[in-house]
Protein backbone atom coordinates (compact mmCIF):
# COMPACT_ATOMS: atom_id res chain seq x y z
CA MET A 1 9.06 -30.84 -23.98
CA ARG A 2 12.23 -32.17 -24.46
CA PRO A 3 14.85 -32.50 -21.92
CA GLY A 4 17.90 -29.90 -22.78
CA PRO A 5 21.43 -30.22 -21.54
CA LYS A 6 20.73 -28.81 -18.37
CA THR A 7 17.86 -31.02 -17.57
CA ARG A 8 20.23 -34.34 -18.34
CA VAL A 9 21.69 -36.03 -15.19
CA THR A 10 23.66 -38.64 -13.91
CA SER A 11 21.89 -41.29 -11.97
CA ARG A 12 24.25 -40.55 -9.33
CA GLN A 13 23.49 -36.33 -9.70
CA LEU A 14 19.97 -36.89 -9.59
CA GLN A 15 20.63 -39.16 -5.93
CA VAL A 16 23.37 -36.12 -4.77
CA ILE A 17 20.45 -33.41 -5.78
CA TRP A 18 18.00 -35.07 -4.42
CA LEU A 19 19.39 -36.06 -0.79
CA VAL A 20 20.79 -31.90 -1.21
CA ALA A 21 16.90 -30.54 -1.44
CA GLN A 22 16.51 -33.38 1.94
CA GLY A 23 18.95 -31.13 3.82
CA LEU A 24 21.29 -34.13 4.30
CA PRO A 25 25.12 -32.46 4.69
CA SER A 26 27.85 -33.88 2.27
CA LYS A 27 29.16 -36.54 4.54
CA GLU A 28 25.95 -37.76 5.03
CA ILE A 29 25.19 -38.43 0.99
CA ALA A 30 28.58 -39.89 1.33
CA ALA A 31 27.78 -41.84 3.63
CA ARG A 32 24.61 -43.02 2.11
CA LEU A 33 25.71 -43.53 -1.31
CA GLY A 34 29.12 -45.49 -0.15
CA VAL A 35 31.13 -43.16 -1.86
CA SER A 36 34.06 -40.37 -1.22
CA GLU A 37 32.45 -36.64 0.87
CA ALA A 38 35.08 -35.33 -1.85
CA ALA A 39 32.97 -37.52 -4.55
CA VAL A 40 30.10 -35.88 -3.31
CA LYS A 41 31.66 -32.95 -3.35
CA LYS A 42 32.40 -33.09 -6.63
CA HIS A 43 29.06 -33.70 -7.70
CA LEU A 44 28.25 -30.47 -6.19
CA ALA A 45 30.69 -28.47 -7.80
CA HIS A 46 29.55 -29.54 -11.14
CA LEU A 47 25.77 -28.86 -11.10
CA MET A 48 26.14 -26.24 -9.24
CA SER A 49 28.65 -24.92 -12.29
CA ARG A 50 25.89 -26.36 -14.89
CA TYR A 51 23.20 -24.34 -13.24
CA ALA A 52 25.14 -21.47 -12.80
CA VAL A 53 24.12 -21.21 -9.44
CA PRO A 54 25.62 -20.44 -6.21
CA ASN A 55 24.89 -22.94 -3.09
CA ARG A 56 22.83 -26.00 -2.60
CA ALA A 57 19.23 -23.79 -1.73
CA ALA A 58 19.84 -21.96 -5.71
CA LEU A 59 20.26 -26.46 -6.81
CA VAL A 60 17.59 -27.49 -5.40
CA ARG A 61 15.22 -23.90 -7.27
CA ALA A 62 17.01 -24.84 -10.30
CA GLY A 63 16.75 -28.36 -10.32
CA ILE A 64 12.71 -27.73 -9.64
CA ALA A 65 12.68 -25.09 -12.23
CA HIS A 66 14.27 -27.84 -15.46
CA GLY A 67 12.15 -30.43 -14.06
CA ILE A 68 14.29 -32.83 -12.11
CA LEU A 69 13.17 -31.98 -8.98
CA VAL A 70 9.27 -32.18 -7.89
CA ALA A 71 7.89 -29.94 -5.23
CA GLY A 72 4.95 -30.97 -3.94
CA PRO A 73 2.58 -31.01 -0.19
CA GLU A 74 5.34 -34.18 1.03
CA GLY A 75 8.25 -31.98 0.13
CA VAL A 76 10.68 -32.16 -2.77
CA THR A 77 10.75 -35.79 -4.70
CA SER A 78 13.06 -37.36 -8.03
CA GLY A 79 9.88 -39.48 -8.63
CA GLY A 80 10.83 -41.42 -5.60
CA PRO A 81 13.65 -42.16 -3.28
CA PRO A 82 16.96 -42.22 -5.06
CA ALA A 83 18.52 -45.96 -5.22
CA THR A 84 20.91 -46.34 -2.91
């Protein structure tokens, strides 16, 4: 199956959604990625708009549904932890 527009994400968006799936707040995500909290919130807003979801939990479910994230016995993955 070819990726559709909703499954194409940038590497930074993938990092953000993966860290959201790990339960981290925006402030911690920003610190781990070396960006501002505002940048993280902008990525989240873009992703939530793209997937038409109202919150982080729904974003993670959409990521799983679209194959961006994989839910397994060891938790949610994206093919490995994001590079920081």
